[in-house]
Amino acid sequence: MGEECLKVVVGSPWLDTVDQEHIPLKVSNLCDEELSVELEALTPQGGSLQRFSLRLPGSTTRELEVVTDLYLQGISIRGRWRKNGGEWREMEEIYVSLR
């Protein structure tokens, strides 16, 4: 599908003191041009937990965190990206096991 500019890495999920699940994400732009990025965390049933919309300057990384108080076996992360004014490209969906 051509040049891939977006890389999303999922860190180790953890629970805070009030049993909220935290799922850290590192979102990296592997290209020299700015990217527009849209990410969404989904329940196993496809419901939206959290959405992110961001601009990533060339060759940068940004850390995000999905936080939920729902007890889930796992979540999916899906998204898309584009270079300045270009066509949207879908990223491969990532499944994150929580239990």
PDB file of N, CA and C in Angstrom:
ATOM      1  N   MET A   1       0.825  -1.197   0.000  1.00  0.00           N
ATOM      2  CA  MET A   1       0.000   0.000   0.000  1.00  0.00           C
ATOM      3  C   MET A   1       0.863   1.251   0.000  1.00  0.00           C
ATOM      4  N   GLY A   2       2.121   1.081  -0.342  1.00  0.00           N
ATOM      5  CA  GLY A   2       2.977   2.254  -0.412  1.00  0.00           C
ATOM      6  C   GLY A   2       3.661   2.568   0.897  1.00  0.00           C
ATOM      7  N   GLU A   3       4.099   3.771   1.005  1.00  0.00           N
ATOM      8  CA  GLU A   3       4.859   4.223   2.166  1.00  0.00           C
ATOM      9  C   GLU A   3       3.982   4.290   3.416  1.00  0.00           C
ATOM     10  N   GLU A   4       4.437   3.669   4.485  1.00  0.00           N
ATOM     11  CA  GLU A   4       3.715   3.717   5.755  1.00  0.00           C
ATOM     12  C   GLU A   4       4.392   4.739   6.665  1.00  0.00           C
ATOM     13  N   CYS A   5       3.640   5.747   7.038  1.00  0.00           N
ATOM     14  CA  CYS A   5       4.196   6.816   7.864  1.00  0.00           C
ATOM     15  C   CYS A   5       3.808   6.719   9.334  1.00  0.00           C
ATOM     16  N   LEU A   6       2.768   5.971   9.645  1.00  0.00           N
ATOM     17  CA  LEU A   6       2.249   5.933  11.008  1.00  0.00           C
ATOM     18  C   LEU A   6       2.592   4.617  11.691  1.00  0.00           C
ATOM     19  N   LYS A   7       3.091   4.736  12.924  1.00  0.00           N
ATOM     20  CA  LYS A   7       3.360   3.554  13.744  1.00  0.00           C
ATOM     21  C   LYS A   7       2.720   3.784  15.108  1.00  0.00           C
ATOM     22  N   VAL A   8       1.922   2.813  15.565  1.00  0.00           N
ATOM     23  CA  VAL A   8       1.282   2.887  16.877  1.00  0.00           C
ATOM     24  C   VAL A   8       1.759   1.693  17.692  1.00  0.00           C
ATOM     25  N   VAL A   9       2.345   1.977  18.858  1.00  0.00           N
ATOM     26  CA  VAL A   9       2.839   0.931  19.751  1.00  0.00           C
ATOM     27  C   VAL A   9       2.050   1.012  21.052  1.00  0.00           C
ATOM     28  N   VAL A  10       1.555  -0.139  21.493  1.00  0.00           N
ATOM     29  CA  VAL A  10       0.772  -0.211  22.728  1.00  0.00           C
ATOM     30  C   VAL A  10       1.689  -0.646  23.864  1.00  0.00           C
ATOM     31  N   GLY A  11       1.674   0.134  24.956  1.00  0.00           N
ATOM     32  CA  GLY A  11       2.453  -0.217  26.139  1.00  0.00           C
ATOM     33  C   GLY A  11       1.691  -1.200  27.017  1.00  0.00           C
ATOM     34  N   SER A  12       2.207  -1.459  28.200  1.00  0.00           N
ATOM     35  CA  SER A  12       1.578  -2.398  29.139  1.00  0.00           C
ATOM     36  C   SER A  12       0.398  -1.742  29.853  1.00  0.00           C
ATOM     37  N   PRO A  13      -0.803  -2.309  29.708  1.00  0.00           N
ATOM     38  CA  PRO A  13      -1.965  -1.773  30.421  1.00  0.00           C
ATOM     39  C   PRO A  13      -1.784  -1.910  31.937  1.00  0.00           C
ATOM     40  N   TRP A  14      -2.362  -0.979  32.684  1.00  0.00           N
ATOM     41  CA  TRP A  14      -2.270  -1.025  34.140  1.00  0.00           C
ATOM     42  C   TRP A  14      -3.537  -0.444  34.757  1.00  0.00           C
ATOM     43  N   LEU A  15      -3.824  -0.844  35.999  1.00  0.00           N
ATOM     44  CA  LEU A  15      -4.976  -0.347  36.746  1.00  0.00           C
ATOM     45  C   LEU A  15      -4.524   0.680  37.772  1.00  0.00           C
ATOM     46  N   ASP A  16      -5.291   1.764  37.895  1.00  0.00           N
ATOM     47  CA  ASP A  16      -4.968   2.747  38.929  1.00  0.00           C
ATOM     48  C   ASP A  16      -5.698   2.380  40.225  1.00  0.00           C
ATOM     49  N   THR A  17      -5.626   3.242  41.220  1.00  0.00           N
ATOM     50  CA  THR A  17      -6.171   2.929  42.550  1.00  0.00           C
ATOM     51  C   THR A  17      -7.694   2.890  42.588  1.00  0.00           C
ATOM     52  N   VAL A  18      -8.362   3.418  41.570  1.00  0.00           N
ATOM     53  CA  VAL A  18      -9.831   3.351  41.514  1.00  0.00           C
ATOM     54  C   VAL A  18     -10.282   2.402  40.398  1.00  0.00           C
ATOM     55  N   ASP A  19      -9.412   1.451  40.065  1.00  0.00           N
ATOM     56  CA  ASP A  19      -9.698   0.394  39.084  1.00  0.00           C
ATOM     57  C   ASP A  19     -10.040   0.899  37.687  1.00  0.00           C
ATOM     58  N   GLN A  20      -9.442   2.002  37.301  1.00  0.00           N
ATOM     59  CA  GLN A  20      -9.558   2.438  35.912  1.00  0.00           C
ATOM     60  C   GLN A  20      -8.397   1.836  35.133  1.00  0.00           C
ATOM     61  N   GLU A  21      -8.715   1.295  33.971  1.00  0.00           N
ATOM     62  CA  GLU A  21      -7.700   0.704  33.102  1.00  0.00           C
ATOM     63  C   GLU A  21      -7.028   1.819  32.303  1.00  0.00           C
ATOM     64  N   HIS A  22      -5.695   1.796  32.275  1.00  0.00           N
ATOM     65  CA  HIS A  22      -4.911   2.754  31.485  1.00  0.00           C
ATOM     66  C   HIS A  22      -4.151   1.965  30.422  1.00  0.00           C
ATOM     67  N   ILE A  23      -4.304   2.366  29.165  1.00  0.00           N
ATOM     68  CA  ILE A  23      -3.612   1.707  28.059  1.00  0.00           C
ATOM     69  C   ILE A  23      -2.763   2.765  27.354  1.00  0.00           C
ATOM     70  N   PRO A  24      -1.435   2.753  27.581  1.00  0.00           N
ATOM     71  CA  PRO A  24      -0.566   3.752  26.962  1.00  0.00           C
ATOM     72  C   PRO A  24      -0.330   3.446  25.478  1.00  0.00           C
ATOM     73  N   LEU A  25      -0.292   4.510  24.685  1.00  0.00           N
ATOM     74  CA  LEU A  25      -0.024   4.402  23.250  1.00  0.00           C
ATOM     75  C   LEU A  25       1.107   5.347  22.876  1.00  0.00           C
ATOM     76  N   LYS A  26       2.016   4.886  22.022  1.00  0.00           N
ATOM     77  CA  LYS A  26       3.034   5.748  21.420  1.00  0.00           C
ATOM     78  C   LYS A  26       2.713   5.831  19.939  1.00  0.00           C
ATOM     79  N   VAL A  27       2.455   7.041  19.478  1.00  0.00           N
ATOM     80  CA  VAL A  27       2.074   7.274  18.088  1.00  0.00           C
ATOM     81  C   VAL A  27       3.235   7.998  17.416  1.00  0.00           C
ATOM     82  N   SER A  28       3.809   7.369  16.388  1.00  0.00           N
ATOM     83  CA  SER A  28       5.002   7.921  15.735  1.00  0.00           C
ATOM     84  C   SER A  28       4.747   8.227  14.271  1.00  0.00           C
ATOM     85  N   ASN A  29       5.264   9.375  13.839  1.00  0.00           N
ATOM     86  CA  ASN A  29       5.277   9.756  12.430  1.00  0.00           C
ATOM     87  C   ASN A  29       6.648   9.373  11.893  1.00  0.00           C
ATOM     88  N   LEU A  30       6.692   8.409  10.988  1.00  0.00           N
ATOM     89  CA  LEU A  30       7.954   7.917  10.438  1.00  0.00           C
ATOM     90  C   LEU A  30       8.384   8.670   9.187  1.00  0.00           C
ATOM     91  N   CYS A  31       7.581   9.638   8.762  1.00  0.00           N
ATOM     92  CA  CYS A  31       7.892  10.414   7.555  1.00  0.00           C
ATOM     93  C   CYS A  31       8.335  11.831   7.928  1.00  0.00           C
ATOM     94  N   ASP A  32       8.822  12.554   6.942  1.00  0.00           N
ATOM     95  CA  ASP A  32       9.308  13.916   7.176  1.00  0.00           C
ATOM     96  C   ASP A  32       8.194  14.960   7.155  1.00  0.00           C
ATOM     97  N   GLU A  33       7.048  14.618   6.591  1.00  0.00           N
ATOM     98  CA  GLU A  33       5.936  15.561   6.481  1.00  0.00           C
ATOM     99  C   GLU A  33       4.973  15.418   7.654  1.00  0.00           C
ATOM    100  N   GLU A  34       4.243  16.503   7.948  1.00  0.00           N
ATOM    101  CA  GLU A  34       3.234  16.463   9.002  1.00  0.00           C
ATOM    102  C   GLU A  34       2.111  15.494   8.626  1.00  0.00           C
ATOM    103  N   LEU A  35       1.587  14.781   9.624  1.00  0.00           N
ATOM    104  CA  LEU A  35       0.465  13.872   9.425  1.00  0.00           C
ATOM    105  C   LEU A  35      -0.741  14.331  10.238  1.00  0.00           C
ATOM    106  N   SER A  36      -1.922  14.121   9.679  1.00  0.00           N
ATOM    107  CA  SER A  36      -3.169  14.206  10.431  1.00  0.00           C
ATOM    108  C   SER A  36      -3.514  12.777  10.816  1.00  0.00           C
ATOM    109  N   VAL A  37      -3.832  12.562  12.083  1.00  0.00           N
ATOM    110  CA  VAL A  37      -4.073  11.210  12.587  1.00  0.00           C
ATOM    111  C   VAL A  37      -5.388  11.192  13.363  1.00  0.00           C
ATOM    112  N   GLU A  38      -6.190  10.162  13.113  1.00  0.00           N
ATOM    113  CA  GLU A  38      -7.403   9.921  13.880  1.00  0.00           C
ATOM    114  C   GLU A  38      -7.339   8.498  14.420  1.00  0.00           C
ATOM    115  N   LEU A  39      -7.469   8.351  15.736  1.00  0.00           N
ATOM    116  CA  LEU A  39      -7.453   7.040  16.383  1.00  0.00           C
ATOM    117  C   LEU A  39      -8.724   6.883  17.204  1.00  0.00           C
ATOM    118  N   GLU A  40      -9.174   5.633  17.334  1.00  0.00           N
ATOM    119  CA  GLU A  40     -10.350   5.349  18.148  1.00  0.00           C
ATOM    120  C   GLU A  40     -10.143   4.037  18.886  1.00  0.00           C
ATOM    121  N   ALA A  41     -10.445   4.041  20.184  1.00  0.00           N
ATOM    122  CA  ALA A  41     -10.415   2.826  21.000  1.00  0.00           C
ATOM    123  C   ALA A  41     -11.839   2.300  21.077  1.00  0.00           C
ATOM    124  N   LEU A  42     -11.985   0.980  20.808  1.00  0.00           N
ATOM    125  CA  LEU A  42     -13.306   0.371  20.722  1.00  0.00           C
ATOM    126  C   LEU A  42     -13.461  -0.801  21.684  1.00  0.00           C
ATOM    127  N   THR A  43     -14.678  -0.981  22.205  1.00  0.00           N
ATOM    128  CA  THR A  43     -14.999  -2.161  23.004  1.00  0.00           C
ATOM    129  C   THR A  43     -15.080  -3.371  22.071  1.00  0.00           C
ATOM    130  N   PRO A  44     -15.088  -4.589  22.625  1.00  0.00           N
ATOM    131  CA  PRO A  44     -15.236  -5.779  21.771  1.00  0.00           C
ATOM    132  C   PRO A  44     -16.533  -5.772  20.952  1.00  0.00           C
ATOM    133  N   GLN A  45     -17.550  -5.064  21.424  1.00  0.00           N
ATOM    134  CA  GLN A  45     -18.819  -4.971  20.699  1.00  0.00           C
ATOM    135  C   GLN A  45     -18.820  -3.838  19.671  1.00  0.00           C
ATOM    136  N   GLY A  46     -17.717  -3.093  19.582  1.00  0.00           N
ATOM    137  CA  GLY A  46     -17.616  -2.017  18.597  1.00  0.00           C
ATOM    138  C   GLY A  46     -18.005  -0.643  19.098  1.00  0.00           C
ATOM    139  N   GLY A  47     -18.336  -0.525  20.389  1.00  0.00           N
ATOM    140  CA  GLY A  47     -18.669   0.782  20.956  1.00  0.00           C
ATOM    141  C   GLY A  47     -17.419   1.630  21.144  1.00  0.00           C
ATOM    142  N   SER A  48     -17.560   2.922  20.974  1.00  0.00           N
ATOM    143  CA  SER A  48     -16.420   3.833  21.087  1.00  0.00           C
ATOM    144  C   SER A  48     -16.109   4.146  22.551  1.00  0.00           C
ATOM    145  N   LEU A  49     -14.853   3.943  22.944  1.00  0.00           N
ATOM    146  CA  LEU A  49     -14.389   4.289  24.293  1.00  0.00           C
ATOM    147  C   LEU A  49     -13.771   5.680  24.326  1.00  0.00           C
ATOM    148  N   GLN A  50     -12.939   5.953  23.327  1.00  0.00           N
ATOM    149  CA  GLN A  50     -12.205   7.214  23.304  1.00  0.00           C
ATOM    150  C   GLN A  50     -11.716   7.473  21.886  1.00  0.00           C
ATOM    151  N   ARG A  51     -11.690   8.755  21.499  1.00  0.00           N
ATOM    152  CA  ARG A  51     -11.198   9.152  20.176  1.00  0.00           C
ATOM    153  C   ARG A  51     -10.109  10.200  20.336  1.00  0.00           C
ATOM    154  N   PHE A  52      -9.151  10.121  19.439  1.00  0.00           N
ATOM    155  CA  PHE A  52      -8.065  11.092  19.402  1.00  0.00           C
ATOM    156  C   PHE A  52      -7.956  11.631  17.984  1.00  0.00           C
ATOM    157  N   SER A  53      -7.761  12.922  17.861  1.00  0.00           N
ATOM    158  CA  SER A  53      -7.498  13.554  16.573  1.00  0.00           C
ATOM    159  C   SER A  53      -6.295  14.463  16.786  1.00  0.00           C
ATOM    160  N   LEU A  54      -5.224  14.229  16.047  1.00  0.00           N
ATOM    161  CA  LEU A  54      -4.011  15.005  16.284  1.00  0.00           C
ATOM    162  C   LEU A  54      -3.222  15.238  15.008  1.00  0.00           C
ATOM    163  N   ARG A  55      -2.351  16.205  15.084  1.00  0.00           N
ATOM    164  CA  ARG A  55      -1.384  16.478  14.015  1.00  0.00           C
ATOM    165  C   ARG A  55      -0.008  16.141  14.567  1.00  0.00           C
ATOM    166  N   LEU A  56       0.728  15.378  13.785  1.00  0.00           N
ATOM    167  CA  LEU A  56       2.078  14.978  14.184  1.00  0.00           C
ATOM    168  C   LEU A  56       3.082  15.573  13.208  1.00  0.00           C
ATOM    169  N   PRO A  57       3.946  16.471  13.678  1.00  0.00           N
ATOM    170  CA  PRO A  57       5.010  16.969  12.802  1.00  0.00           C
ATOM    171  C   PRO A  57       5.890  15.810  12.333  1.00  0.00           C
ATOM    172  N   GLY A  58       6.621  16.026  11.263  1.00  0.00           N
ATOM    173  CA  GLY A  58       7.488  14.985  10.717  1.00  0.00           C
ATOM    174  C   GLY A  58       8.464  14.431  11.737  1.00  0.00           C
ATOM    175  N   SER A  59       8.651  13.122  11.695  1.00  0.00           N
ATOM    176  CA  SER A  59       9.632  12.409  12.525  1.00  0.00           C
ATOM    177  C   SER A  59       9.469  12.667  14.021  1.00  0.00           C
ATOM    178  N   THR A  60       8.230  12.688  14.500  1.00  0.00           N
ATOM    179  CA  THR A  60       7.986  12.897  15.931  1.00  0.00           C
ATOM    180  C   THR A  60       7.144  11.756  16.503  1.00  0.00           C
ATOM    181  N   THR A  61       7.150  11.670  17.835  1.00  0.00           N
ATOM    182  CA  THR A  61       6.354  10.679  18.556  1.00  0.00           C
ATOM    183  C   THR A  61       5.548  11.395  19.628  1.00  0.00           C
ATOM    184  N   ARG A  62       4.329  10.941  19.814  1.00  0.00           N
ATOM    185  CA  ARG A  62       3.476  11.507  20.857  1.00  0.00           C
ATOM    186  C   ARG A  62       2.913  10.368  21.695  1.00  0.00           C
ATOM    187  N   GLU A  63       2.837  10.583  23.003  1.00  0.00           N
ATOM    188  CA  GLU A  63       2.295   9.569  23.903  1.00  0.00           C
ATOM    189  C   GLU A  63       0.862   9.936  24.278  1.00  0.00           C
ATOM    190  N   LEU A  64      -0.022   8.947  24.178  1.00  0.00           N
ATOM    191  CA  LEU A  64      -1.432   9.101  24.522  1.00  0.00           C
ATOM    192  C   LEU A  64      -1.806   7.997  25.502  1.00  0.00           C
ATOM    193  N   GLU A  65      -2.987   8.118  26.095  1.00  0.00           N
ATOM    194  CA  GLU A  65      -3.425   7.081  27.019  1.00  0.00           C
ATOM    195  C   GLU A  65      -4.940   6.914  26.914  1.00  0.00           C
ATOM    196  N   VAL A  66      -5.370   5.686  26.691  1.00  0.00           N
ATOM    197  CA  VAL A  66      -6.785   5.346  26.741  1.00  0.00           C
ATOM    198  C   VAL A  66      -7.096   4.999  28.195  1.00  0.00           C
ATOM    199  N   VAL A  67      -8.141   5.613  28.743  1.00  0.00           N
ATOM    200  CA  VAL A  67      -8.525   5.361  30.133  1.00  0.00           C
ATOM    201  C   VAL A  67      -9.998   4.971  30.155  1.00  0.00           C
ATOM    202  N   THR A  68     -10.305   3.868  30.833  1.00  0.00           N
ATOM    203  CA  THR A  68     -11.694   3.428  30.944  1.00  0.00           C
ATOM    204  C   THR A  68     -11.943   2.797  32.307  1.00  0.00           C
ATOM    205  N   ASP A  69     -13.174   2.949  32.785  1.00  0.00           N
ATOM    206  CA  ASP A  69     -13.560   2.288  34.031  1.00  0.00           C
ATOM    207  C   ASP A  69     -14.419   1.054  33.753  1.00  0.00           C
ATOM    208  N   LEU A  70     -14.538   0.672  32.482  1.00  0.00           N
ATOM    209  CA  LEU A  70     -15.275  -0.538  32.114  1.00  0.00           C
ATOM    210  C   LEU A  70     -14.380  -1.757  32.286  1.00  0.00           C
ATOM    211  N   TYR A  71     -14.949  -2.852  32.756  1.00  0.00           N
ATOM    212  CA  TYR A  71     -14.195  -4.098  32.883  1.00  0.00           C
ATOM    213  C   TYR A  71     -14.304  -4.837  31.556  1.00  0.00           C
ATOM    214  N   LEU A  72     -13.221  -4.875  30.805  1.00  0.00           N
ATOM    215  CA  LEU A  72     -13.214  -5.473  29.468  1.00  0.00           C
ATOM    216  C   LEU A  72     -12.107  -6.506  29.352  1.00  0.00           C
ATOM    217  N   GLN A  73     -12.328  -7.502  28.524  1.00  0.00           N
ATOM    218  CA  GLN A  73     -11.293  -8.502  28.237  1.00  0.00           C
ATOM    219  C   GLN A  73     -10.240  -7.935  27.292  1.00  0.00           C
ATOM    220  N   GLY A  74     -10.633  -6.967  26.495  1.00  0.00           N
ATOM    221  CA  GLY A  74      -9.710  -6.365  25.541  1.00  0.00           C
ATOM    222  C   GLY A  74     -10.374  -5.214  24.815  1.00  0.00           C
ATOM    223  N   ILE A  75      -9.577  -4.473  24.080  1.00  0.00           N
ATOM    224  CA  ILE A  75     -10.083  -3.383  23.246  1.00  0.00           C
ATOM    225  C   ILE A  75      -9.378  -3.446  21.893  1.00  0.00           C
ATOM    226  N   SER A  76      -9.945  -2.742  20.944  1.00  0.00           N
ATOM    227  CA  SER A  76      -9.312  -2.600  19.634  1.00  0.00           C
ATOM    228  C   SER A  76      -8.968  -1.138  19.414  1.00  0.00           C
ATOM    229  N   ILE A  77      -7.850  -0.916  18.754  1.00  0.00           N
ATOM    230  CA  ILE A  77      -7.443   0.433  18.360  1.00  0.00           C
ATOM    231  C   ILE A  77      -7.469   0.461  16.839  1.00  0.00           C
ATOM    232  N   ARG A  78      -8.235   1.374  16.287  1.00  0.00           N
ATOM    233  CA  ARG A  78      -8.221   1.528  14.833  1.00  0.00           C
ATOM    234  C   ARG A  78      -8.006   2.997  14.515  1.00  0.00           C
ATOM    235  N   GLY A  79      -7.591   3.257  13.302  1.00  0.00           N
ATOM    236  CA  GLY A  79      -7.340   4.640  12.947  1.00  0.00           C
ATOM    237  C   GLY A  79      -7.005   4.819  11.485  1.00  0.00           C
ATOM    238  N   ARG A  80      -6.743   6.066  11.169  1.00  0.00           N
ATOM    239  CA  ARG A  80      -6.351   6.427   9.813  1.00  0.00           C
ATOM    240  C   ARG A  80      -5.447   7.644   9.882  1.00  0.00           C
ATOM    241  N   TRP A  81      -4.740   7.887   8.790  1.00  0.00           N
ATOM    242  CA  TRP A  81      -3.798   9.000   8.739  1.00  0.00           C
ATOM    243  C   TRP A  81      -3.698   9.506   7.306  1.00  0.00           C
ATOM    244  N   ARG A  82      -3.208  10.732   7.194  1.00  0.00           N
ATOM    245  CA  ARG A  82      -2.942  11.281   5.867  1.00  0.00           C
ATOM    246  C   ARG A  82      -1.875  12.351   5.961  1.00  0.00           C
ATOM    247  N   LYS A  83      -1.149  12.482   4.873  1.00  0.00           N
ATOM    248  CA  LYS A  83      -0.216  13.592   4.749  1.00  0.00           C
ATOM    249  C   LYS A  83      -1.037  14.825   4.406  1.00  0.00           C
ATOM    250  N   ASN A  84      -0.463  15.992   4.570  1.00  0.00           N
ATOM    251  CA  ASN A  84      -1.140  17.267   4.351  1.00  0.00           C
ATOM    252  C   ASN A  84      -2.053  17.263   3.125  1.00  0.00           C
ATOM    253  N   GLY A  85      -3.369  17.223   3.365  1.00  0.00           N
ATOM    254  CA  GLY A  85      -4.335  17.308   2.281  1.00  0.00           C
ATOM    255  C   GLY A  85      -4.442  16.079   1.397  1.00  0.00           C
ATOM    256  N   GLY A  86      -3.709  15.026   1.716  1.00  0.00           N
ATOM    257  CA  GLY A  86      -3.725  13.818   0.895  1.00  0.00           C
ATOM    258  C   GLY A  86      -4.900  12.907   1.206  1.00  0.00           C
ATOM    259  N   GLU A  87      -4.850  11.738   0.627  1.00  0.00           N
ATOM    260  CA  GLU A  87      -5.898  10.743   0.803  1.00  0.00           C
ATOM    261  C   GLU A  87      -5.725  10.028   2.144  1.00  0.00           C
ATOM    262  N   TRP A  88      -6.841   9.744   2.825  1.00  0.00           N
ATOM    263  CA  TRP A  88      -6.800   9.017   4.089  1.00  0.00           C
ATOM    264  C   TRP A  88      -6.355   7.586   3.849  1.00  0.00           C
ATOM    265  N   ARG A  89      -5.511   7.075   4.738  1.00  0.00           N
ATOM    266  CA  ARG A  89      -5.059   5.682   4.703  1.00  0.00           C
ATOM    267  C   ARG A  89      -5.413   5.033   6.031  1.00  0.00           C
ATOM    268  N   GLU A  90      -6.001   3.858   5.947  1.00  0.00           N
ATOM    269  CA  GLU A  90      -6.383   3.118   7.150  1.00  0.00           C
ATOM    270  C   GLU A  90      -5.160   2.404   7.717  1.00  0.00           C
ATOM    271  N   MET A  91      -5.042   2.413   9.046  1.00  0.00           N
ATOM    272  CA  MET A  91      -3.993   1.617   9.679  1.00  0.00           C
ATOM    273  C   MET A  91      -4.567   0.247  10.022  1.00  0.00           C
ATOM    274  N   GLU A  92      -3.708  -0.721  10.201  1.00  0.00           N
ATOM    275  CA  GLU A  92      -4.158  -2.049  10.604  1.00  0.00           C
ATOM    276  C   GLU A  92      -4.680  -1.978  12.037  1.00  0.00           C
ATOM    277  N   GLU A  93      -5.840  -2.583  12.279  1.00  0.00           N
ATOM    278  CA  GLU A  93      -6.440  -2.569  13.613  1.00  0.00           C
ATOM    279  C   GLU A  93      -5.566  -3.356  14.587  1.00  0.00           C
ATOM    280  N   ILE A  94      -5.453  -2.839  15.813  1.00  0.00           N
ATOM    281  CA  ILE A  94      -4.639  -3.466  16.854  1.00  0.00           C
ATOM    282  C   ILE A  94      -5.569  -3.958  17.958  1.00  0.00           C
ATOM    283  N   TYR A  95      -5.443  -5.227  18.344  1.00  0.00           N
ATOM    284  CA  TYR A  95      -6.209  -5.756  19.473  1.00  0.00           C
ATOM    285  C   TYR A  95      -5.309  -5.752  20.704  1.00  0.00           C
ATOM    286  N   VAL A  96      -5.835  -5.240  21.823  1.00  0.00           N
ATOM    287  CA  VAL A  96      -5.096  -5.181  23.082  1.00  0.00           C
ATOM    288  C   VAL A  96      -5.821  -6.049  24.105  1.00  0.00           C
ATOM    289  N   SER A  97      -5.176  -7.128  24.545  1.00  0.00           N
ATOM    290  CA  SER A  97      -5.752  -8.012  25.558  1.00  0.00           C
ATOM    291  C   SER A  97      -5.511  -7.409  26.939  1.00  0.00           C
ATOM    292  N   LEU A  98      -6.562  -7.331  27.742  1.00  0.00           N
ATOM    293  CA  LEU A  98      -6.451  -6.727  29.071  1.00  0.00           C
ATOM    294  C   LEU A  98      -6.523  -7.751  30.197  1.00  0.00           C
ATOM    295  N   ARG A  99      -6.916  -8.973  29.923  1.00  0.00           N
ATOM    296  CA  ARG A  99      -7.058  -9.987  30.970  1.00  0.00           C
ATOM    297  C   ARG A  99      -6.416 -11.281  30.541  1.00  0.00           C
TER     298      ARG A  99
END
